[in-house]
Amino acid sequence: MVYEEVVARVTIPSPTPHFLPDSISGTIKRWEMEKDSNLPGGTAELISPYGPGEKAINGHQLIHRAQEMGACFGQRHAQAMVDSVPENWDYYIPFPGTVFRPPPRYRYHEDRSKPSFFGHFIPCLKKMDGVWTIELQGLHMVFFNIAPGAVRILRPYI
């Protein structure tokens, strides 16, 4: 499948050396980081993860497509970039190179009989009231290709 719609190019600063849990809206203490990106900073392309005519994909599809396209920037890249996102951008930008899992108490239904729908989460840059913030989005959610706020991902520009 071809997903080559390049929207823009941007320079991503070198990733922050440490994960900063306070950079995410809300608290994520005791969350487990299952995967983290080792990509360096540099020039990146803002691209669409959707195929022709697609209006939505789920988080697992988003991760798979990002891996296929080498678009696996992560949490530390989002932290480095949050204060320098171009003002005219109006996109929702997932960083699928980092995957989190919530604390055990959120992984099961109250009676502990079966897993809950809370599984894995990825950091995303989101513009709210003109300010860019980082939030976690569950892979069980649907990512829409609807403006404003259409989902776009970043991949290294080679």
N, C-alpha and C. Protein backbone atom coordinates (compact mmCIF):
# COMPACT_ATOMS: atom_id res chain seq x y z
N MET A 1 0.84 -1.18 0.00
CA MET A 1 0.00 0.00 0.00
C MET A 1 0.89 1.25 0.00
N VAL A 2 0.50 2.27 -0.69
CA VAL A 2 1.29 3.49 -0.80
C VAL A 2 0.68 4.59 0.06
N TYR A 3 1.49 5.22 0.88
CA TYR A 3 1.04 6.31 1.76
C TYR A 3 2.02 7.46 1.62
N GLU A 4 2.20 8.01 0.48
CA GLU A 4 3.28 8.96 0.26
C GLU A 4 2.89 10.43 0.26
N GLU A 5 1.77 10.80 0.81
CA GLU A 5 1.38 12.20 0.84
C GLU A 5 2.28 12.96 1.83
N VAL A 6 3.27 13.69 1.31
CA VAL A 6 4.15 14.49 2.16
C VAL A 6 3.51 15.86 2.34
N VAL A 7 3.23 16.22 3.58
CA VAL A 7 2.55 17.47 3.89
C VAL A 7 3.55 18.61 4.10
N ALA A 8 4.64 18.32 4.81
CA ALA A 8 5.63 19.36 5.14
C ALA A 8 6.92 18.69 5.59
N ARG A 9 7.98 19.49 5.68
CA ARG A 9 9.25 19.04 6.26
C ARG A 9 9.54 19.92 7.47
N VAL A 10 10.15 19.33 8.48
CA VAL A 10 10.45 20.04 9.72
C VAL A 10 11.72 19.46 10.31
N THR A 11 12.43 20.26 11.08
CA THR A 11 13.60 19.77 11.80
C THR A 11 13.18 19.37 13.20
N ILE A 12 13.48 18.13 13.54
CA ILE A 12 13.20 17.64 14.88
C ILE A 12 14.50 17.78 15.67
N PRO A 13 14.46 18.51 16.80
CA PRO A 13 15.67 18.63 17.61
C PRO A 13 16.14 17.26 18.10
N SER A 14 17.37 17.18 18.53
CA SER A 14 17.85 15.92 19.12
C SER A 14 16.91 15.54 20.25
N PRO A 15 16.61 14.25 20.36
CA PRO A 15 15.68 13.85 21.42
C PRO A 15 16.24 14.18 22.79
N THR A 16 15.34 14.49 23.71
CA THR A 16 15.78 14.76 25.08
C THR A 16 16.45 13.51 25.61
N PRO A 17 17.49 13.66 26.43
CA PRO A 17 18.24 12.48 26.87
C PRO A 17 17.44 11.58 27.82
N HIS A 18 16.45 12.15 28.49
CA HIS A 18 15.69 11.37 29.46
C HIS A 18 14.20 11.52 29.21
N PHE A 19 13.49 10.52 29.59
CA PHE A 19 12.04 10.57 29.52
C PHE A 19 11.53 11.48 30.63
N LEU A 20 10.68 12.44 30.29
CA LEU A 20 10.15 13.39 31.25
C LEU A 20 8.67 13.12 31.47
N PRO A 21 8.31 12.35 32.51
CA PRO A 21 6.90 11.99 32.68
C PRO A 21 5.99 13.20 32.88
N ASP A 22 6.50 14.30 33.40
CA ASP A 22 5.67 15.48 33.61
C ASP A 22 5.32 16.18 32.31
N SER A 23 5.95 15.78 31.19
CA SER A 23 5.65 16.43 29.93
C SER A 23 4.34 15.94 29.32
N ILE A 24 3.78 14.88 29.90
CA ILE A 24 2.52 14.34 29.39
C ILE A 24 1.38 14.85 30.26
N SER A 25 0.30 15.23 29.61
CA SER A 25 -0.88 15.68 30.34
C SER A 25 -1.29 14.60 31.33
N GLY A 26 -1.52 14.99 32.56
CA GLY A 26 -1.89 14.03 33.59
C GLY A 26 -0.67 13.32 34.12
N THR A 27 -0.88 12.34 34.93
CA THR A 27 0.25 11.62 35.52
C THR A 27 0.34 10.22 34.95
N ILE A 28 1.53 9.75 34.72
CA ILE A 28 1.70 8.38 34.24
C ILE A 28 2.69 7.63 35.12
N LYS A 29 2.76 8.03 36.38
CA LYS A 29 3.65 7.32 37.29
C LYS A 29 3.24 5.85 37.33
N ARG A 30 4.21 5.01 37.39
CA ARG A 30 4.03 3.56 37.44
C ARG A 30 3.60 2.95 36.10
N TRP A 31 3.57 3.73 35.03
CA TRP A 31 3.31 3.16 33.71
C TRP A 31 4.60 2.51 33.23
N GLU A 32 4.48 1.47 32.44
CA GLU A 32 5.65 0.78 31.91
C GLU A 32 5.90 1.21 30.47
N MET A 33 7.16 1.52 30.16
CA MET A 33 7.53 1.83 28.79
C MET A 33 7.96 0.51 28.15
N GLU A 34 7.20 0.03 27.19
CA GLU A 34 7.50 -1.24 26.55
C GLU A 34 8.46 -1.10 25.39
N LYS A 35 8.46 0.08 24.78
CA LYS A 35 9.32 0.30 23.61
C LYS A 35 9.67 1.78 23.56
N ASP A 36 10.89 2.09 23.14
CA ASP A 36 11.29 3.49 22.96
C ASP A 36 12.14 3.61 21.71
N SER A 37 11.97 4.71 21.01
CA SER A 37 12.67 4.96 19.75
C SER A 37 14.14 5.30 19.98
N ASN A 38 14.99 4.84 19.08
CA ASN A 38 16.41 5.20 19.14
C ASN A 38 16.80 6.07 17.95
N LEU A 39 15.81 6.63 17.23
CA LEU A 39 16.11 7.50 16.09
C LEU A 39 16.76 8.81 16.58
N PRO A 40 17.72 9.33 15.82
CA PRO A 40 18.28 10.65 16.16
C PRO A 40 17.31 11.74 15.70
N GLY A 41 17.58 12.97 16.11
CA GLY A 41 16.81 14.10 15.58
C GLY A 41 17.27 14.36 14.15
N GLY A 42 16.71 15.37 13.52
CA GLY A 42 17.08 15.71 12.15
C GLY A 42 15.87 16.14 11.36
N THR A 43 16.03 16.22 10.05
CA THR A 43 14.92 16.63 9.20
C THR A 43 13.93 15.47 9.05
N ALA A 44 12.65 15.82 9.15
CA ALA A 44 11.60 14.80 9.04
C ALA A 44 10.51 15.30 8.11
N GLU A 45 9.79 14.35 7.53
CA GLU A 45 8.64 14.67 6.69
C GLU A 45 7.37 14.37 7.47
N LEU A 46 6.42 15.27 7.38
CA LEU A 46 5.10 15.06 7.95
C LEU A 46 4.27 14.37 6.86
N ILE A 47 3.83 13.15 7.13
CA ILE A 47 3.15 12.36 6.11
C ILE A 47 1.84 11.79 6.63
N SER A 48 1.03 11.37 5.70
CA SER A 48 -0.25 10.74 6.03
C SER A 48 -0.06 9.23 6.16
N PRO A 49 -0.63 8.62 7.20
CA PRO A 49 -0.56 7.17 7.33
C PRO A 49 -1.71 6.44 6.63
N TYR A 50 -2.57 7.19 5.91
CA TYR A 50 -3.77 6.62 5.32
C TYR A 50 -3.55 6.21 3.88
N GLY A 51 -4.24 5.18 3.47
CA GLY A 51 -4.27 4.78 2.09
C GLY A 51 -5.29 5.62 1.33
N PRO A 52 -5.34 5.51 0.01
CA PRO A 52 -6.29 6.29 -0.78
C PRO A 52 -7.73 6.04 -0.31
N GLY A 53 -8.43 7.14 -0.02
CA GLY A 53 -9.83 7.06 0.37
C GLY A 53 -10.10 6.66 1.80
N GLU A 54 -9.07 6.31 2.57
CA GLU A 54 -9.29 5.91 3.97
C GLU A 54 -9.64 7.11 4.82
N LYS A 55 -10.61 6.94 5.69
CA LYS A 55 -11.04 8.01 6.60
C LYS A 55 -10.60 7.77 8.03
N ALA A 56 -10.25 6.51 8.36
CA ALA A 56 -9.87 6.19 9.73
C ALA A 56 -9.09 4.88 9.77
N ILE A 57 -8.21 4.77 10.78
CA ILE A 57 -7.49 3.53 11.06
C ILE A 57 -7.41 3.39 12.58
N ASN A 58 -7.23 2.16 13.05
CA ASN A 58 -7.08 2.01 14.50
C ASN A 58 -5.60 2.15 14.88
N GLY A 59 -5.34 2.23 16.16
CA GLY A 59 -3.98 2.45 16.63
C GLY A 59 -3.00 1.35 16.25
N HIS A 60 -3.47 0.12 16.22
CA HIS A 60 -2.59 -0.98 15.84
C HIS A 60 -2.19 -0.88 14.37
N GLN A 61 -3.13 -0.47 13.52
CA GLN A 61 -2.81 -0.24 12.11
C GLN A 61 -1.81 0.92 11.99
N LEU A 62 -2.01 1.96 12.78
CA LEU A 62 -1.11 3.12 12.76
C LEU A 62 0.32 2.70 13.10
N ILE A 63 0.48 1.91 14.15
CA ILE A 63 1.82 1.43 14.54
C ILE A 63 2.43 0.60 13.41
N HIS A 64 1.67 -0.31 12.83
CA HIS A 64 2.18 -1.17 11.76
C HIS A 64 2.63 -0.33 10.56
N ARG A 65 1.82 0.63 10.16
CA ARG A 65 2.17 1.47 9.01
C ARG A 65 3.37 2.36 9.32
N ALA A 66 3.42 2.89 10.51
CA ALA A 66 4.57 3.72 10.90
C ALA A 66 5.86 2.90 10.82
N GLN A 67 5.82 1.66 11.28
CA GLN A 67 7.00 0.80 11.20
C GLN A 67 7.38 0.54 9.75
N GLU A 68 6.40 0.28 8.89
CA GLU A 68 6.66 0.05 7.47
C GLU A 68 7.35 1.25 6.82
N MET A 69 6.96 2.46 7.26
CA MET A 69 7.48 3.69 6.65
C MET A 69 8.69 4.26 7.39
N GLY A 70 9.13 3.60 8.46
CA GLY A 70 10.27 4.11 9.24
C GLY A 70 9.92 5.35 10.03
N ALA A 71 8.63 5.54 10.30
CA ALA A 71 8.15 6.75 11.00
C ALA A 71 7.99 6.47 12.48
N CYS A 72 9.08 6.14 13.14
CA CYS A 72 9.00 5.70 14.53
C CYS A 72 9.68 6.64 15.51
N PHE A 73 9.44 7.94 15.35
CA PHE A 73 9.89 8.87 16.38
C PHE A 73 9.08 8.60 17.64
N GLY A 74 9.65 8.92 18.82
CA GLY A 74 8.98 8.57 20.06
C GLY A 74 8.80 9.72 21.03
N GLN A 75 8.52 9.35 22.27
CA GLN A 75 8.21 10.30 23.34
C GLN A 75 9.27 11.39 23.50
N ARG A 76 10.54 11.02 23.51
CA ARG A 76 11.60 12.01 23.72
C ARG A 76 11.68 13.00 22.56
N HIS A 77 11.31 12.57 21.34
CA HIS A 77 11.26 13.48 20.20
C HIS A 77 10.10 14.47 20.37
N ALA A 78 8.97 13.97 20.84
CA ALA A 78 7.81 14.84 21.09
C ALA A 78 8.17 15.89 22.15
N GLN A 79 8.86 15.47 23.20
CA GLN A 79 9.29 16.41 24.25
C GLN A 79 10.19 17.49 23.68
N ALA A 80 11.13 17.09 22.81
CA ALA A 80 12.08 18.05 22.23
C ALA A 80 11.38 19.01 21.26
N MET A 81 10.28 18.57 20.68
CA MET A 81 9.63 19.33 19.63
C MET A 81 8.44 20.17 20.10
N VAL A 82 7.90 19.89 21.27
CA VAL A 82 6.63 20.47 21.71
C VAL A 82 6.62 22.00 21.67
N ASP A 83 7.75 22.64 21.92
CA ASP A 83 7.80 24.11 21.92
C ASP A 83 8.19 24.71 20.57
N SER A 84 8.43 23.85 19.57
CA SER A 84 8.87 24.38 18.28
C SER A 84 8.04 23.88 17.10
N VAL A 85 6.84 23.39 17.36
CA VAL A 85 5.97 22.94 16.26
C VAL A 85 5.55 24.17 15.46
N PRO A 86 5.62 24.13 14.13
CA PRO A 86 5.21 25.28 13.34
C PRO A 86 3.79 25.75 13.70
N GLU A 87 3.63 27.07 13.85
CA GLU A 87 2.37 27.65 14.28
C GLU A 87 1.20 27.30 13.37
N ASN A 88 1.46 27.18 12.08
CA ASN A 88 0.37 26.96 11.14
C ASN A 88 -0.09 25.50 11.05
N TRP A 89 0.55 24.59 11.76
CA TRP A 89 0.14 23.20 11.73
C TRP A 89 -1.13 23.01 12.54
N ASP A 90 -2.04 22.22 12.01
CA ASP A 90 -3.27 21.89 12.72
C ASP A 90 -3.51 20.39 12.57
N TYR A 91 -2.55 19.62 13.05
CA TYR A 91 -2.61 18.18 12.93
C TYR A 91 -2.53 17.54 14.31
N TYR A 92 -2.89 16.27 14.37
CA TYR A 92 -2.72 15.45 15.56
C TYR A 92 -1.56 14.53 15.21
N ILE A 93 -0.46 14.58 15.97
CA ILE A 93 0.77 13.91 15.56
C ILE A 93 1.17 12.82 16.56
N PRO A 94 0.89 11.56 16.26
CA PRO A 94 1.32 10.45 17.11
C PRO A 94 2.83 10.21 16.98
N PHE A 95 3.43 9.72 18.04
CA PHE A 95 4.84 9.35 18.07
C PHE A 95 4.92 7.86 18.43
N PRO A 96 4.69 6.98 17.43
CA PRO A 96 4.53 5.55 17.70
C PRO A 96 5.82 4.80 18.02
N GLY A 97 6.94 5.50 18.10
CA GLY A 97 8.20 4.84 18.47
C GLY A 97 8.29 4.54 19.96
N THR A 98 7.40 5.11 20.76
CA THR A 98 7.34 4.82 22.19
C THR A 98 5.96 4.25 22.49
N VAL A 99 5.94 3.13 23.20
CA VAL A 99 4.68 2.48 23.58
C VAL A 99 4.68 2.28 25.09
N PHE A 100 3.58 2.70 25.72
CA PHE A 100 3.41 2.56 27.17
C PHE A 100 2.30 1.57 27.49
N ARG A 101 2.39 1.00 28.68
CA ARG A 101 1.33 0.15 29.22
C ARG A 101 0.96 0.71 30.59
N PRO A 102 -0.35 0.84 30.88
CA PRO A 102 -0.76 1.41 32.16
C PRO A 102 -0.44 0.49 33.33
N PRO A 103 -0.56 1.01 34.57
CA PRO A 103 -0.32 0.18 35.75
C PRO A 103 -1.28 -1.01 35.78
N PRO A 104 -0.90 -2.07 36.50
CA PRO A 104 -1.72 -3.28 36.53
C PRO A 104 -3.18 -3.05 36.91
N ARG A 105 -3.45 -2.12 37.80
CA ARG A 105 -4.84 -1.93 38.24
C ARG A 105 -5.76 -1.50 37.10
N TYR A 106 -5.21 -0.96 36.01
CA TYR A 106 -6.02 -0.55 34.87
C TYR A 106 -6.07 -1.60 33.76
N ARG A 107 -5.37 -2.70 33.96
CA ARG A 107 -5.29 -3.71 32.90
C ARG A 107 -6.40 -4.76 32.96
N TYR A 108 -7.15 -4.79 34.06
CA TYR A 108 -8.19 -5.80 34.22
C TYR A 108 -9.49 -5.16 34.68
N HIS A 109 -10.60 -5.86 34.41
CA HIS A 109 -11.88 -5.42 34.94
C HIS A 109 -11.83 -5.49 36.46
N GLU A 110 -12.75 -4.81 37.12
CA GLU A 110 -12.73 -4.73 38.58
C GLU A 110 -12.66 -6.11 39.25
N ASP A 111 -13.34 -7.11 38.70
CA ASP A 111 -13.33 -8.43 39.33
C ASP A 111 -12.11 -9.26 38.92
N ARG A 112 -11.21 -8.65 38.14
CA ARG A 112 -9.94 -9.27 37.69
C ARG A 112 -10.17 -10.52 36.85
N SER A 113 -11.38 -10.72 36.32
CA SER A 113 -11.69 -11.94 35.57
C SER A 113 -11.17 -11.91 34.14
N LYS A 114 -11.05 -10.71 33.57
CA LYS A 114 -10.58 -10.62 32.19
C LYS A 114 -9.92 -9.27 31.96
N PRO A 115 -9.06 -9.20 30.95
CA PRO A 115 -8.39 -7.93 30.67
C PRO A 115 -9.39 -6.84 30.28
N SER A 116 -9.10 -5.62 30.65
CA SER A 116 -9.94 -4.49 30.23
C SER A 116 -9.51 -4.07 28.83
N PHE A 117 -10.17 -3.08 28.26
CA PHE A 117 -9.79 -2.62 26.93
C PHE A 117 -8.58 -1.70 26.99
N PHE A 118 -8.13 -1.33 28.21
CA PHE A 118 -6.94 -0.49 28.32
C PHE A 118 -5.72 -1.34 28.05
N GLY A 119 -5.09 -1.14 26.93
CA GLY A 119 -3.93 -1.93 26.57
C GLY A 119 -2.68 -1.10 26.47
N HIS A 120 -2.34 -0.68 25.26
CA HIS A 120 -1.12 0.07 25.02
C HIS A 120 -1.45 1.48 24.56
N PHE A 121 -0.55 2.40 24.86
CA PHE A 121 -0.75 3.81 24.56
C PHE A 121 0.50 4.39 23.92
N ILE A 122 0.32 5.40 23.06
CA ILE A 122 1.44 6.10 22.45
C ILE A 122 1.30 7.60 22.71
N PRO A 123 2.44 8.31 22.79
CA PRO A 123 2.37 9.76 22.97
C PRO A 123 1.97 10.45 21.67
N CYS A 124 1.23 11.55 21.79
CA CYS A 124 0.78 12.32 20.63
C CYS A 124 0.89 13.80 20.93
N LEU A 125 1.30 14.58 19.93
CA LEU A 125 1.25 16.03 20.05
C LEU A 125 -0.12 16.50 19.61
N LYS A 126 -0.70 17.37 20.42
CA LYS A 126 -2.06 17.84 20.18
C LYS A 126 -2.10 19.34 20.43
N LYS A 127 -2.75 20.06 19.54
CA LYS A 127 -2.89 21.51 19.71
C LYS A 127 -4.23 21.80 20.38
N MET A 128 -4.17 22.43 21.56
CA MET A 128 -5.39 22.74 22.29
C MET A 128 -5.35 24.19 22.72
N ASP A 129 -6.33 24.96 22.28
CA ASP A 129 -6.38 26.39 22.58
C ASP A 129 -5.10 27.09 22.15
N GLY A 130 -4.55 26.69 21.00
CA GLY A 130 -3.37 27.32 20.45
C GLY A 130 -2.05 26.89 21.06
N VAL A 131 -2.08 25.94 22.00
CA VAL A 131 -0.87 25.47 22.68
C VAL A 131 -0.68 23.98 22.40
N TRP A 132 0.54 23.60 22.03
CA TRP A 132 0.85 22.20 21.78
C TRP A 132 1.14 21.49 23.10
N THR A 133 0.53 20.34 23.30
CA THR A 133 0.75 19.52 24.49
C THR A 133 0.96 18.07 24.06
N ILE A 134 1.44 17.27 24.99
CA ILE A 134 1.63 15.84 24.73
C ILE A 134 0.59 15.08 25.55
N GLU A 135 -0.10 14.16 24.88
CA GLU A 135 -1.05 13.31 25.58
C GLU A 135 -0.83 11.87 25.16
N LEU A 136 -1.36 10.95 25.93
CA LEU A 136 -1.29 9.54 25.56
C LEU A 136 -2.61 9.12 24.93
N GLN A 137 -2.51 8.37 23.84
CA GLN A 137 -3.70 7.89 23.14
C GLN A 137 -3.64 6.37 23.08
N GLY A 138 -4.72 5.72 23.41
CA GLY A 138 -4.78 4.27 23.40
C GLY A 138 -4.80 3.70 21.99
N LEU A 139 -4.14 2.57 21.81
CA LEU A 139 -4.13 1.93 20.50
C LEU A 139 -5.47 1.30 20.17
N HIS A 140 -6.36 1.24 21.16
CA HIS A 140 -7.71 0.73 20.91
C HIS A 140 -8.59 1.81 20.27
N MET A 141 -8.11 3.04 20.22
CA MET A 141 -8.88 4.15 19.67
C MET A 141 -8.74 4.21 18.15
N VAL A 142 -9.62 5.01 17.54
CA VAL A 142 -9.60 5.21 16.09
C VAL A 142 -8.95 6.56 15.81
N PHE A 143 -8.08 6.59 14.81
CA PHE A 143 -7.39 7.82 14.40
C PHE A 143 -8.02 8.26 13.07
N PHE A 144 -8.61 9.45 13.07
CA PHE A 144 -9.38 9.92 11.92
C PHE A 144 -8.56 10.80 10.97
N ASN A 145 -8.92 10.74 9.70
CA ASN A 145 -8.30 11.55 8.66
C ASN A 145 -9.26 12.67 8.29
N ILE A 146 -9.58 13.51 9.27
CA ILE A 146 -10.55 14.58 9.07
C ILE A 146 -9.93 15.89 9.56
N ALA A 147 -9.95 16.92 8.71
CA ALA A 147 -9.40 18.22 9.10
C ALA A 147 -10.50 19.02 9.81
N PRO A 148 -10.18 19.93 10.72
CA PRO A 148 -8.84 20.13 11.27
C PRO A 148 -8.49 19.02 12.26
N GLY A 149 -7.25 18.86 12.49
CA GLY A 149 -6.79 17.85 13.43
C GLY A 149 -6.57 16.48 12.82
N ALA A 150 -6.44 16.41 11.50
CA ALA A 150 -6.17 15.12 10.86
C ALA A 150 -4.85 14.55 11.38
N VAL A 151 -4.79 13.25 11.48
CA VAL A 151 -3.59 12.58 11.97
C VAL A 151 -2.51 12.57 10.89
N ARG A 152 -1.31 12.95 11.27
CA ARG A 152 -0.13 12.87 10.41
C ARG A 152 1.02 12.37 11.27
N ILE A 153 1.95 11.63 10.67
CA ILE A 153 3.11 11.13 11.41
C ILE A 153 4.38 11.67 10.79
N LEU A 154 5.48 11.59 11.54
CA LEU A 154 6.77 12.10 11.08
C LEU A 154 7.70 10.93 10.78
N ARG A 155 8.36 11.01 9.63
CA ARG A 155 9.39 10.01 9.32
C ARG A 155 10.67 10.75 8.92
N PRO A 156 11.81 10.12 9.17
CA PRO A 156 13.08 10.77 8.80
C PRO A 156 13.12 11.05 7.30
N TYR A 157 13.61 12.24 6.96
CA TYR A 157 13.79 12.62 5.56
C TYR A 157 15.18 12.22 5.15
N ILE A 158 15.26 11.41 4.11
CA ILE A 158 16.59 10.91 3.67
C ILE A 158 16.93 11.50 2.32
